[in-house]
Amino acid sequence: MEQTELILHRKEVAGGLIVEVRIWRIAEADAERPHGFKYSLHCCTEDGEMIVRYDNERGKGDHRHIGQHEEAYLFVSLEKLIEDFWRDVRSRT
């Protein structure tokens, strides 16, 4: 089990949407997470329909989901990750 430290957690429920941002610092960067962070940022409807999700689960690396479409995501920094996520949320809601 990897050692992690939760460094950001925010959840908002408003206007029929649920937005949750969770970012952890991992103890040791590795090939899958060379930046040293584990993250899950998502926006969905209250009935569970995914609108936008950014995450880096094991085996998939950094990627994002726009609706049902999944694509690689180039992680630059935490600031850019959060900025890109909110840009996608705003453009789709």
PDB file of N, CA and C in Angstrom:
ATOM      1  N   MET A   1       0.846  -1.185   0.000  1.00  0.00           N
ATOM      2  CA  MET A   1       0.000   0.000   0.000  1.00  0.00           C
ATOM      3  C   MET A   1       0.888   1.244   0.000  1.00  0.00           C
ATOM      4  N   GLU A   2       0.603   2.161  -0.916  1.00  0.00           N
ATOM      5  CA  GLU A   2       1.437   3.354  -1.004  1.00  0.00           C
ATOM      6  C   GLU A   2       1.094   4.359   0.093  1.00  0.00           C
ATOM      7  N   GLN A   3       2.105   5.091   0.547  1.00  0.00           N
ATOM      8  CA  GLN A   3       1.918   6.136   1.545  1.00  0.00           C
ATOM      9  C   GLN A   3       1.453   7.401   0.837  1.00  0.00           C
ATOM     10  N   THR A   4       0.369   7.991   1.327  1.00  0.00           N
ATOM     11  CA  THR A   4      -0.156   9.214   0.731  1.00  0.00           C
ATOM     12  C   THR A   4      -0.525  10.210   1.815  1.00  0.00           C
ATOM     13  N   GLU A   5      -0.532  11.476   1.430  1.00  0.00           N
ATOM     14  CA  GLU A   5      -0.972  12.557   2.316  1.00  0.00           C
ATOM     15  C   GLU A   5      -1.980  13.390   1.539  1.00  0.00           C
ATOM     16  N   LEU A   6      -3.213  13.439   2.022  1.00  0.00           N
ATOM     17  CA  LEU A   6      -4.241  14.234   1.367  1.00  0.00           C
ATOM     18  C   LEU A   6      -3.878  15.711   1.539  1.00  0.00           C
ATOM     19  N   ILE A   7      -3.678  16.412   0.416  1.00  0.00           N
ATOM     20  CA  ILE A   7      -3.289  17.823   0.502  1.00  0.00           C
ATOM     21  C   ILE A   7      -4.401  18.776   0.074  1.00  0.00           C
ATOM     22  N   LEU A   8      -5.421  18.247  -0.618  1.00  0.00           N
ATOM     23  CA  LEU A   8      -6.557  19.089  -1.002  1.00  0.00           C
ATOM     24  C   LEU A   8      -7.786  18.227  -1.140  1.00  0.00           C
ATOM     25  N   HIS A   9      -8.871  18.640  -0.501  1.00  0.00           N
ATOM     26  CA  HIS A   9     -10.161  17.978  -0.677  1.00  0.00           C
ATOM     27  C   HIS A   9     -11.240  19.037  -0.601  1.00  0.00           C
ATOM     28  N   ARG A  10     -12.001  19.125  -1.670  1.00  0.00           N
ATOM     29  CA  ARG A  10     -13.110  20.078  -1.718  1.00  0.00           C
ATOM     30  C   ARG A  10     -14.261  19.405  -2.441  1.00  0.00           C
ATOM     31  N   LYS A  11     -15.456  19.519  -1.874  1.00  0.00           N
ATOM     32  CA  LYS A  11     -16.650  18.977  -2.506  1.00  0.00           C
ATOM     33  C   LYS A  11     -17.724  20.041  -2.493  1.00  0.00           C
ATOM     34  N   GLU A  12     -18.348  20.248  -3.651  1.00  0.00           N
ATOM     35  CA  GLU A  12     -19.415  21.228  -3.786  1.00  0.00           C
ATOM     36  C   GLU A  12     -20.606  20.551  -4.448  1.00  0.00           C
ATOM     37  N   VAL A  13     -21.798  20.829  -3.926  1.00  0.00           N
ATOM     38  CA  VAL A  13     -23.036  20.339  -4.516  1.00  0.00           C
ATOM     39  C   VAL A  13     -23.905  21.564  -4.742  1.00  0.00           C
ATOM     40  N   ALA A  14     -24.213  21.841  -6.016  1.00  0.00           N
ATOM     41  CA  ALA A  14     -25.019  23.015  -6.338  1.00  0.00           C
ATOM     42  C   ALA A  14     -25.559  22.885  -7.754  1.00  0.00           C
ATOM     43  N   GLY A  15     -26.734  23.394  -7.965  1.00  0.00           N
ATOM     44  CA  GLY A  15     -27.305  23.453  -9.300  1.00  0.00           C
ATOM     45  C   GLY A  15     -27.424  22.104  -9.992  1.00  0.00           C
ATOM     46  N   GLY A  16     -27.644  21.044  -9.219  1.00  0.00           N
ATOM     47  CA  GLY A  16     -27.775  19.720  -9.807  1.00  0.00           C
ATOM     48  C   GLY A  16     -26.464  19.029 -10.116  1.00  0.00           C
ATOM     49  N   LEU A  17     -25.349  19.647  -9.723  1.00  0.00           N
ATOM     50  CA  LEU A  17     -24.028  19.082  -9.995  1.00  0.00           C
ATOM     51  C   LEU A  17     -23.286  18.760  -8.702  1.00  0.00           C
ATOM     52  N   ILE A  18     -22.414  17.769  -8.780  1.00  0.00           N
ATOM     53  CA  ILE A  18     -21.487  17.446  -7.698  1.00  0.00           C
ATOM     54  C   ILE A  18     -20.083  17.597  -8.256  1.00  0.00           C
ATOM     55  N   VAL A  19     -19.277  18.421  -7.619  1.00  0.00           N
ATOM     56  CA  VAL A  19     -17.882  18.605  -8.012  1.00  0.00           C
ATOM     57  C   VAL A  19     -17.023  18.235  -6.811  1.00  0.00           C
ATOM     58  N   GLU A  20     -16.067  17.332  -7.041  1.00  0.00           N
ATOM     59  CA  GLU A  20     -15.177  16.933  -5.955  1.00  0.00           C
ATOM     60  C   GLU A  20     -13.744  16.908  -6.463  1.00  0.00           C
ATOM     61  N   VAL A  21     -12.857  17.518  -5.689  1.00  0.00           N
ATOM     62  CA  VAL A  21     -11.435  17.583  -6.010  1.00  0.00           C
ATOM     63  C   VAL A  21     -10.672  16.959  -4.850  1.00  0.00           C
ATOM     64  N   ARG A  22      -9.866  15.924  -5.154  1.00  0.00           N
ATOM     65  CA  ARG A  22      -9.027  15.276  -4.145  1.00  0.00           C
ATOM     66  C   ARG A  22      -7.626  15.104  -4.727  1.00  0.00           C
ATOM     67  N   ILE A  23      -6.639  15.594  -3.997  1.00  0.00           N
ATOM     68  CA  ILE A  23      -5.243  15.476  -4.430  1.00  0.00           C
ATOM     69  C   ILE A  23      -4.413  15.005  -3.243  1.00  0.00           C
ATOM     70  N   TRP A  24      -3.601  13.976  -3.503  1.00  0.00           N
ATOM     71  CA  TRP A  24      -2.711  13.431  -2.485  1.00  0.00           C
ATOM     72  C   TRP A  24      -1.264  13.579  -2.945  1.00  0.00           C
ATOM     73  N   ARG A  25      -0.380  13.780  -2.017  1.00  0.00           N
ATOM     74  CA  ARG A  25       1.064  13.692  -2.289  1.00  0.00           C
ATOM     75  C   ARG A  25       1.457  12.266  -1.946  1.00  0.00           C
ATOM     76  N   ILE A  26       2.173  11.605  -2.857  1.00  0.00           N
ATOM     77  CA  ILE A  26       2.613  10.243  -2.576  1.00  0.00           C
ATOM     78  C   ILE A  26       4.035  10.276  -2.034  1.00  0.00           C
ATOM     79  N   ALA A  27       4.372   9.268  -1.256  1.00  0.00           N
ATOM     80  CA  ALA A  27       5.670   9.242  -0.574  1.00  0.00           C
ATOM     81  C   ALA A  27       6.827   9.185  -1.560  1.00  0.00           C
ATOM     82  N   GLU A  28       6.659   8.418  -2.632  1.00  0.00           N
ATOM     83  CA  GLU A  28       7.731   8.278  -3.609  1.00  0.00           C
ATOM     84  C   GLU A  28       7.173   8.358  -5.016  1.00  0.00           C
ATOM     85  N   ALA A  29       7.696   9.272  -5.811  1.00  0.00           N
ATOM     86  CA  ALA A  29       7.316   9.338  -7.223  1.00  0.00           C
ATOM     87  C   ALA A  29       7.762   8.048  -7.897  1.00  0.00           C
ATOM     88  N   ASP A  30       7.050   7.650  -8.933  1.00  0.00           N
ATOM     89  CA  ASP A  30       7.416   6.445  -9.668  1.00  0.00           C
ATOM     90  C   ASP A  30       7.151   6.671 -11.155  1.00  0.00           C
ATOM     91  N   ALA A  31       7.296   5.640 -11.952  1.00  0.00           N
ATOM     92  CA  ALA A  31       7.133   5.775 -13.408  1.00  0.00           C
ATOM     93  C   ALA A  31       5.726   6.210 -13.786  1.00  0.00           C
ATOM     94  N   GLU A  32       4.724   5.762 -13.046  1.00  0.00           N
ATOM     95  CA  GLU A  32       3.344   6.137 -13.355  1.00  0.00           C
ATOM     96  C   GLU A  32       2.958   7.520 -12.836  1.00  0.00           C
ATOM     97  N   ARG A  33       3.613   7.935 -11.782  1.00  0.00           N
ATOM     98  CA  ARG A  33       3.314   9.232 -11.166  1.00  0.00           C
ATOM     99  C   ARG A  33       4.612   9.971 -10.876  1.00  0.00           C
ATOM    100  N   PRO A  34       5.336  10.344 -11.943  1.00  0.00           N
ATOM    101  CA  PRO A  34       6.642  10.981 -11.759  1.00  0.00           C
ATOM    102  C   PRO A  34       6.558  12.346 -11.076  1.00  0.00           C
ATOM    103  N   HIS A  35       5.397  12.972 -11.118  1.00  0.00           N
ATOM    104  CA  HIS A  35       5.190  14.277 -10.479  1.00  0.00           C
ATOM    105  C   HIS A  35       4.954  14.144  -8.975  1.00  0.00           C
ATOM    106  N   GLY A  36       4.712  12.909  -8.485  1.00  0.00           N
ATOM    107  CA  GLY A  36       4.555  12.687  -7.048  1.00  0.00           C
ATOM    108  C   GLY A  36       3.169  12.948  -6.493  1.00  0.00           C
ATOM    109  N   PHE A  37       2.149  12.968  -7.364  1.00  0.00           N
ATOM    110  CA  PHE A  37       0.785  13.223  -6.912  1.00  0.00           C
ATOM    111  C   PHE A  37      -0.175  12.155  -7.427  1.00  0.00           C
ATOM    112  N   LYS A  38      -1.151  11.871  -6.616  1.00  0.00           N
ATOM    113  CA  LYS A  38      -2.288  11.041  -6.990  1.00  0.00           C
ATOM    114  C   LYS A  38      -3.481  11.991  -6.938  1.00  0.00           C
ATOM    115  N   TYR A  39      -4.398  11.914  -7.924  1.00  0.00           N
ATOM    116  CA  TYR A  39      -5.499  12.876  -7.931  1.00  0.00           C
ATOM    117  C   TYR A  39      -6.761  12.307  -8.563  1.00  0.00           C
ATOM    118  N   SER A  40      -7.869  12.906  -8.180  1.00  0.00           N
ATOM    119  CA  SER A  40      -9.177  12.611  -8.745  1.00  0.00           C
ATOM    120  C   SER A  40      -9.992  13.893  -8.657  1.00  0.00           C
ATOM    121  N   LEU A  41     -10.321  14.450  -9.797  1.00  0.00           N
ATOM    122  CA  LEU A  41     -11.144  15.650  -9.867  1.00  0.00           C
ATOM    123  C   LEU A  41     -12.328  15.288 -10.746  1.00  0.00           C
ATOM    124  N   HIS A  42     -13.530  15.424 -10.242  1.00  0.00           N
ATOM    125  CA  HIS A  42     -14.662  15.055 -11.082  1.00  0.00           C
ATOM    126  C   HIS A  42     -15.860  15.966 -10.891  1.00  0.00           C
ATOM    127  N   CYS A  43     -16.641  16.032 -11.949  1.00  0.00           N
ATOM    128  CA  CYS A  43     -17.903  16.766 -11.970  1.00  0.00           C
ATOM    129  C   CYS A  43     -18.932  15.831 -12.580  1.00  0.00           C
ATOM    130  N   CYS A  44     -20.029  15.617 -11.850  1.00  0.00           N
ATOM    131  CA  CYS A  44     -21.100  14.769 -12.371  1.00  0.00           C
ATOM    132  C   CYS A  44     -22.441  15.365 -11.952  1.00  0.00           C
ATOM    133  N   THR A  45     -23.499  14.875 -12.580  1.00  0.00           N
ATOM    134  CA  THR A  45     -24.834  15.293 -12.176  1.00  0.00           C
ATOM    135  C   THR A  45     -25.184  14.579 -10.879  1.00  0.00           C
ATOM    136  N   GLU A  46     -26.195  15.060 -10.190  1.00  0.00           N
ATOM    137  CA  GLU A  46     -26.599  14.431  -8.934  1.00  0.00           C
ATOM    138  C   GLU A  46     -27.080  12.998  -9.142  1.00  0.00           C
ATOM    139  N   ASP A  47     -27.509  12.649 -10.364  1.00  0.00           N
ATOM    140  CA  ASP A  47     -27.923  11.267 -10.622  1.00  0.00           C
ATOM    141  C   ASP A  47     -26.780  10.409 -11.162  1.00  0.00           C
ATOM    142  N   GLY A  48     -25.537  10.937 -11.124  1.00  0.00           N
ATOM    143  CA  GLY A  48     -24.358  10.130 -11.428  1.00  0.00           C
ATOM    144  C   GLY A  48     -23.813  10.194 -12.836  1.00  0.00           C
ATOM    145  N   GLU A  49     -24.390  11.005 -13.717  1.00  0.00           N
ATOM    146  CA  GLU A  49     -23.859  11.114 -15.078  1.00  0.00           C
ATOM    147  C   GLU A  49     -22.546  11.898 -15.073  1.00  0.00           C
ATOM    148  N   MET A  50     -21.449  11.245 -15.518  1.00  0.00           N
ATOM    149  CA  MET A  50     -20.138  11.883 -15.526  1.00  0.00           C
ATOM    150  C   MET A  50     -20.088  12.980 -16.586  1.00  0.00           C
ATOM    151  N   ILE A  51     -19.605  14.146 -16.198  1.00  0.00           N
ATOM    152  CA  ILE A  51     -19.427  15.254 -17.131  1.00  0.00           C
ATOM    153  C   ILE A  51     -17.946  15.409 -17.432  1.00  0.00           C
ATOM    154  N   VAL A  52     -17.137  15.553 -16.386  1.00  0.00           N
ATOM    155  CA  VAL A  52     -15.682  15.699 -16.532  1.00  0.00           C
ATOM    156  C   VAL A  52     -15.006  14.964 -15.377  1.00  0.00           C
ATOM    157  N   ARG A  53     -13.932  14.246 -15.686  1.00  0.00           N
ATOM    158  CA  ARG A  53     -13.121  13.637 -14.618  1.00  0.00           C
ATOM    159  C   ARG A  53     -11.662  13.629 -15.055  1.00  0.00           C
ATOM    160  N   TYR A  54     -10.799  14.048 -14.162  1.00  0.00           N
ATOM    161  CA  TYR A  54      -9.347  13.957 -14.342  1.00  0.00           C
ATOM    162  C   TYR A  54      -8.845  13.031 -13.246  1.00  0.00           C
ATOM    163  N   ASP A  55      -8.042  12.023 -13.599  1.00  0.00           N
ATOM    164  CA  ASP A  55      -7.482  11.159 -12.573  1.00  0.00           C
ATOM    165  C   ASP A  55      -6.244  10.447 -13.108  1.00  0.00           C
ATOM    166  N   ASN A  56      -5.575   9.747 -12.214  1.00  0.00           N
ATOM    167  CA  ASN A  56      -4.373   9.011 -12.607  1.00  0.00           C
ATOM    168  C   ASN A  56      -4.305   7.690 -11.857  1.00  0.00           C
ATOM    169  N   GLU A  57      -5.359   6.908 -12.038  1.00  0.00           N
ATOM    170  CA  GLU A  57      -5.391   5.599 -11.384  1.00  0.00           C
ATOM    171  C   GLU A  57      -4.271   4.713 -11.909  1.00  0.00           C
ATOM    172  N   ARG A  58      -3.847   3.779 -11.090  1.00  0.00           N
ATOM    173  CA  ARG A  58      -2.783   2.846 -11.459  1.00  0.00           C
ATOM    174  C   ARG A  58      -3.139   2.127 -12.759  1.00  0.00           C
ATOM    175  N   GLY A  59      -2.162   2.003 -13.633  1.00  0.00           N
ATOM    176  CA  GLY A  59      -2.358   1.298 -14.885  1.00  0.00           C
ATOM    177  C   GLY A  59      -2.831   2.169 -16.031  1.00  0.00           C
ATOM    178  N   LYS A  60      -3.279   3.388 -15.742  1.00  0.00           N
ATOM    179  CA  LYS A  60      -3.768   4.284 -16.791  1.00  0.00           C
ATOM    180  C   LYS A  60      -2.964   5.572 -16.892  1.00  0.00           C
ATOM    181  N   GLY A  61      -2.296   5.957 -15.832  1.00  0.00           N
ATOM    182  CA  GLY A  61      -1.535   7.206 -15.842  1.00  0.00           C
ATOM    183  C   GLY A  61      -2.447   8.418 -15.868  1.00  0.00           C
ATOM    184  N   ASP A  62      -1.877   9.568 -16.151  1.00  0.00           N
ATOM    185  CA  ASP A  62      -2.627  10.829 -16.185  1.00  0.00           C
ATOM    186  C   ASP A  62      -3.586  10.815 -17.375  1.00  0.00           C
ATOM    187  N   HIS A  63      -4.872  11.030 -17.105  1.00  0.00           N
ATOM    188  CA  HIS A  63      -5.854  11.064 -18.180  1.00  0.00           C
ATOM    189  C   HIS A  63      -7.095  11.833 -17.730  1.00  0.00           C
ATOM    190  N   ARG A  64      -7.950  12.115 -18.706  1.00  0.00           N
ATOM    191  CA  ARG A  64      -9.198  12.801 -18.386  1.00  0.00           C
ATOM    192  C   ARG A  64     -10.334  12.161 -19.161  1.00  0.00           C
ATOM    193  N   HIS A  65     -11.529  12.321 -18.607  1.00  0.00           N
ATOM    194  CA  HIS A  65     -12.755  11.834 -19.218  1.00  0.00           C
ATOM    195  C   HIS A  65     -13.621  13.063 -19.491  1.00  0.00           C
ATOM    196  N   ILE A  66     -14.064  13.190 -20.703  1.00  0.00           N
ATOM    197  CA  ILE A  66     -15.039  14.217 -21.064  1.00  0.00           C
ATOM    198  C   ILE A  66     -16.275  13.439 -21.500  1.00  0.00           C
ATOM    199  N   GLY A  67     -17.286  13.394 -20.642  1.00  0.00           N
ATOM    200  CA  GLY A  67     -18.420  12.508 -20.899  1.00  0.00           C
ATOM    201  C   GLY A  67     -17.903  11.078 -20.953  1.00  0.00           C
ATOM    202  N   GLN A  68     -18.205  10.371 -22.035  1.00  0.00           N
ATOM    203  CA  GLN A  68     -17.770   8.981 -22.198  1.00  0.00           C
ATOM    204  C   GLN A  68     -16.401   8.860 -22.868  1.00  0.00           C
ATOM    205  N   HIS A  69     -15.853   9.973 -23.352  1.00  0.00           N
ATOM    206  CA  HIS A  69     -14.563   9.969 -24.046  1.00  0.00           C
ATOM    207  C   HIS A  69     -13.412  10.047 -23.034  1.00  0.00           C
ATOM    208  N   GLU A  70     -12.395   9.205 -23.220  1.00  0.00           N
ATOM    209  CA  GLU A  70     -11.215   9.203 -22.352  1.00  0.00           C
ATOM    210  C   GLU A  70      -9.979   9.477 -23.191  1.00  0.00           C
ATOM    211  N   GLU A  71      -9.078  10.333 -22.660  1.00  0.00           N
ATOM    212  CA  GLU A  71      -7.845  10.640 -23.381  1.00  0.00           C
ATOM    213  C   GLU A  71      -6.723  10.929 -22.400  1.00  0.00           C
ATOM    214  N   ALA A  72      -5.487  10.779 -22.881  1.00  0.00           N
ATOM    215  CA  ALA A  72      -4.314  11.074 -22.060  1.00  0.00           C
ATOM    216  C   ALA A  72      -4.310  12.552 -21.681  1.00  0.00           C
ATOM    217  N   TYR A  73      -3.739  12.845 -20.526  1.00  0.00           N
ATOM    218  CA  TYR A  73      -3.607  14.221 -20.065  1.00  0.00           C
ATOM    219  C   TYR A  73      -2.147  14.467 -19.727  1.00  0.00           C
ATOM    220  N   LEU A  74      -1.596  15.564 -20.202  1.00  0.00           N
ATOM    221  CA  LEU A  74      -0.214  15.932 -19.912  1.00  0.00           C
ATOM    222  C   LEU A  74      -0.182  16.744 -18.624  1.00  0.00           C
ATOM    223  N   PHE A  75       0.296  16.128 -17.544  1.00  0.00           N
ATOM    224  CA  PHE A  75       0.402  16.814 -16.258  1.00  0.00           C
ATOM    225  C   PHE A  75       1.600  17.748 -16.291  1.00  0.00           C
ATOM    226  N   VAL A  76       1.354  19.039 -16.020  1.00  0.00           N
ATOM    227  CA  VAL A  76       2.411  20.050 -15.983  1.00  0.00           C
ATOM    228  C   VAL A  76       2.658  20.493 -14.545  1.00  0.00           C
ATOM    229  N   SER A  77       1.562  20.783 -13.826  1.00  0.00           N
ATOM    230  CA  SER A  77       1.644  21.236 -12.436  1.00  0.00           C
ATOM    231  C   SER A  77       0.261  21.083 -11.807  1.00  0.00           C
ATOM    232  N   LEU A  78       0.198  21.146 -10.481  1.00  0.00           N
ATOM    233  CA  LEU A  78      -1.096  21.096  -9.815  1.00  0.00           C
ATOM    234  C   LEU A  78      -1.963  22.284 -10.211  1.00  0.00           C
ATOM    235  N   GLU A  79      -1.358  23.444 -10.306  1.00  0.00           N
ATOM    236  CA  GLU A  79      -2.105  24.647 -10.675  1.00  0.00           C
ATOM    237  C   GLU A  79      -2.741  24.480 -12.052  1.00  0.00           C
ATOM    238  N   LYS A  80      -1.978  23.958 -13.008  1.00  0.00           N
ATOM    239  CA  LYS A  80      -2.481  23.766 -14.372  1.00  0.00           C
ATOM    240  C   LYS A  80      -3.559  22.684 -14.399  1.00  0.00           C
ATOM    241  N   LEU A  81      -3.378  21.621 -13.622  1.00  0.00           N
ATOM    242  CA  LEU A  81      -4.377  20.558 -13.527  1.00  0.00           C
ATOM    243  C   LEU A  81      -5.719  21.135 -13.081  1.00  0.00           C
ATOM    244  N   ILE A  82      -5.707  21.898 -12.005  1.00  0.00           N
ATOM    245  CA  ILE A  82      -6.934  22.485 -11.469  1.00  0.00           C
ATOM    246  C   ILE A  82      -7.533  23.478 -12.459  1.00  0.00           C
ATOM    247  N   GLU A  83      -6.703  24.290 -13.070  1.00  0.00           N
ATOM    248  CA  GLU A  83      -7.165  25.256 -14.073  1.00  0.00           C
ATOM    249  C   GLU A  83      -7.821  24.536 -15.257  1.00  0.00           C
ATOM    250  N   ASP A  84      -7.188  23.490 -15.772  1.00  0.00           N
ATOM    251  CA  ASP A  84      -7.736  22.740 -16.907  1.00  0.00           C
ATOM    252  C   ASP A  84      -9.063  22.075 -16.543  1.00  0.00           C
ATOM    253  N   PHE A  85      -9.122  21.493 -15.347  1.00  0.00           N
ATOM    254  CA  PHE A  85     -10.356  20.863 -14.890  1.00  0.00           C
ATOM    255  C   PHE A  85     -11.501  21.870 -14.857  1.00  0.00           C
ATOM    256  N   TRP A  86     -11.285  23.017 -14.203  1.00  0.00           N
ATOM    257  CA  TRP A  86     -12.360  24.015 -14.106  1.00  0.00           C
ATOM    258  C   TRP A  86     -12.723  24.592 -15.465  1.00  0.00           C
ATOM    259  N   ARG A  87     -11.765  24.724 -16.367  1.00  0.00           N
ATOM    260  CA  ARG A  87     -12.076  25.175 -17.731  1.00  0.00           C
ATOM    261  C   ARG A  87     -13.029  24.195 -18.403  1.00  0.00           C
ATOM    262  N   ASP A  88     -12.738  22.891 -18.278  1.00  0.00           N
ATOM    263  CA  ASP A  88     -13.604  21.882 -18.883  1.00  0.00           C
ATOM    264  C   ASP A  88     -14.979  21.838 -18.225  1.00  0.00           C
ATOM    265  N   VAL A  89     -15.039  21.991 -16.906  1.00  0.00           N
ATOM    266  CA  VAL A  89     -16.326  22.014 -16.222  1.00  0.00           C
ATOM    267  C   VAL A  89     -17.154  23.188 -16.720  1.00  0.00           C
ATOM    268  N   ARG A  90     -16.568  24.374 -16.758  1.00  0.00           N
ATOM    269  CA  ARG A  90     -17.300  25.572 -17.204  1.00  0.00           C
ATOM    270  C   ARG A  90     -17.784  25.438 -18.641  1.00  0.00           C
ATOM    271  N   SER A  91     -17.002  24.817 -19.501  1.00  0.00           N
ATOM    272  CA  SER A  91     -17.385  24.724 -20.917  1.00  0.00           C
ATOM    273  C   SER A  91     -18.470  23.673 -21.158  1.00  0.00           C
ATOM    274  N   ARG A  92     -18.720  22.809 -20.173  1.00  0.00           N
ATOM    275  CA  ARG A  92     -19.689  21.724 -20.373  1.00  0.00           C
ATOM    276  C   ARG A  92     -20.905  21.804 -19.453  1.00  0.00           C
ATOM    277  N   THR A  93     -20.988  22.852 -18.644  1.00  0.00           N
ATOM    278  CA  THR A  93     -22.142  22.981 -17.747  1.00  0.00           C
ATOM    279  C   THR A  93     -22.843  24.301 -17.966  1.00  0.00           C
TER     280      THR A  93
END
